[in-house]
Amino acid sequence: MYDIYKSFIRKRIKIKLNDNSSIEGDLISIDGYLNLALQHVLLYEEGIGEPFVFRSCLVKGSNVECIAL
């Protein structure tokens, strides 16, 4: 199953987090624990209209609820 995610490296993905926020970005790397490294990141918080913009970020796999490929 891990190899499926590796095929999406350098593609745009959207991640829903456990706190109901979501992150969208270009997948740079992923490991067996679903820890993710992203570039060109938009962070959407519930109740805030404009997303936060980051050059890059790391997402710990235990915070991931689902990944939209």
Protein backbone atom coordinates (compact mmCIF):
# COMPACT_ATOMS: atom_id res chain seq x y z
CA MET A 1 0.00 0.00 0.00
CA TYR A 2 2.91 2.34 0.73
CA ASP A 3 4.03 2.09 -2.93
CA ILE A 4 0.68 3.48 -4.06
CA TYR A 5 1.37 6.70 -2.17
CA LYS A 6 4.94 6.88 -3.49
CA SER A 7 3.55 7.05 -7.03
CA PHE A 8 1.98 10.43 -6.14
CA ILE A 9 5.28 12.14 -5.30
CA ARG A 10 5.51 15.54 -7.08
CA LYS A 11 1.70 15.63 -7.45
CA ARG A 12 -0.83 17.88 -5.70
CA ILE A 13 -2.70 16.21 -2.81
CA LYS A 14 -5.20 17.29 -0.18
CA ILE A 15 -5.04 16.03 3.41
CA LYS A 16 -7.80 16.18 6.01
CA LEU A 17 -6.41 16.38 9.54
CA ASN A 18 -7.88 15.09 12.80
CA ASP A 19 -8.74 18.66 13.91
CA ASN A 20 -10.98 19.17 10.81
CA SER A 21 -8.48 21.47 9.10
CA SER A 22 -7.09 20.53 5.70
CA ILE A 23 -3.79 20.96 3.92
CA GLU A 24 -3.18 21.07 0.19
CA GLY A 25 0.29 20.83 -1.31
CA ASP A 26 2.77 19.09 -3.59
CA LEU A 27 3.88 15.76 -2.11
CA ILE A 28 7.66 15.63 -1.75
CA SER A 29 8.10 12.49 0.36
CA ILE A 30 6.16 9.95 2.37
CA ASP A 31 7.21 7.12 4.67
CA GLY A 32 5.62 3.95 6.03
CA TYR A 33 4.03 5.84 8.93
CA LEU A 34 2.33 8.25 6.47
CA ASN A 35 4.53 11.13 7.61
CA LEU A 36 4.38 13.59 4.72
CA ALA A 37 6.63 16.34 3.41
CA LEU A 38 4.86 18.95 1.27
CA GLN A 39 5.81 22.06 -0.73
CA HIS A 40 3.70 25.03 -1.87
CA VAL A 41 1.27 24.44 0.98
CA LEU A 42 -2.16 25.92 1.71
CA LEU A 43 -3.59 25.35 5.21
CA TYR A 44 -7.36 25.75 5.51
CA GLU A 45 -8.71 26.27 9.04
CA GLU A 46 -12.42 25.98 9.84
CA GLY A 47 -14.03 29.42 10.17
CA ILE A 48 -11.16 31.29 8.47
CA GLY A 49 -11.81 32.38 4.89
CA GLU A 50 -8.28 32.81 3.57
CA PRO A 51 -5.80 29.90 3.71
CA PHE A 52 -2.41 30.20 5.38
CA VAL A 53 0.42 29.86 2.85
CA PHE A 54 3.68 28.00 3.56
CA ARG A 55 6.67 27.21 1.39
CA SER A 56 6.94 23.72 2.91
CA CYS A 57 5.74 21.67 5.87
CA LEU A 58 5.92 18.27 7.51
CA VAL A 59 2.75 16.44 8.57
CA LYS A 60 2.96 13.68 11.17
CA GLY A 61 1.07 10.59 10.04
CA SER A 62 -0.88 10.26 13.30
CA ASN A 63 -2.55 13.63 12.55
CA VAL A 64 -3.87 12.49 9.15
CA GLU A 65 -7.53 11.49 8.90
CA CYS A 66 -7.56 10.94 5.13
CA ILE A 67 -5.60 11.75 1.98
CA ALA A 68 -7.28 12.78 -1.29
CA LEU A 69 -5.08 11.85 -4.22
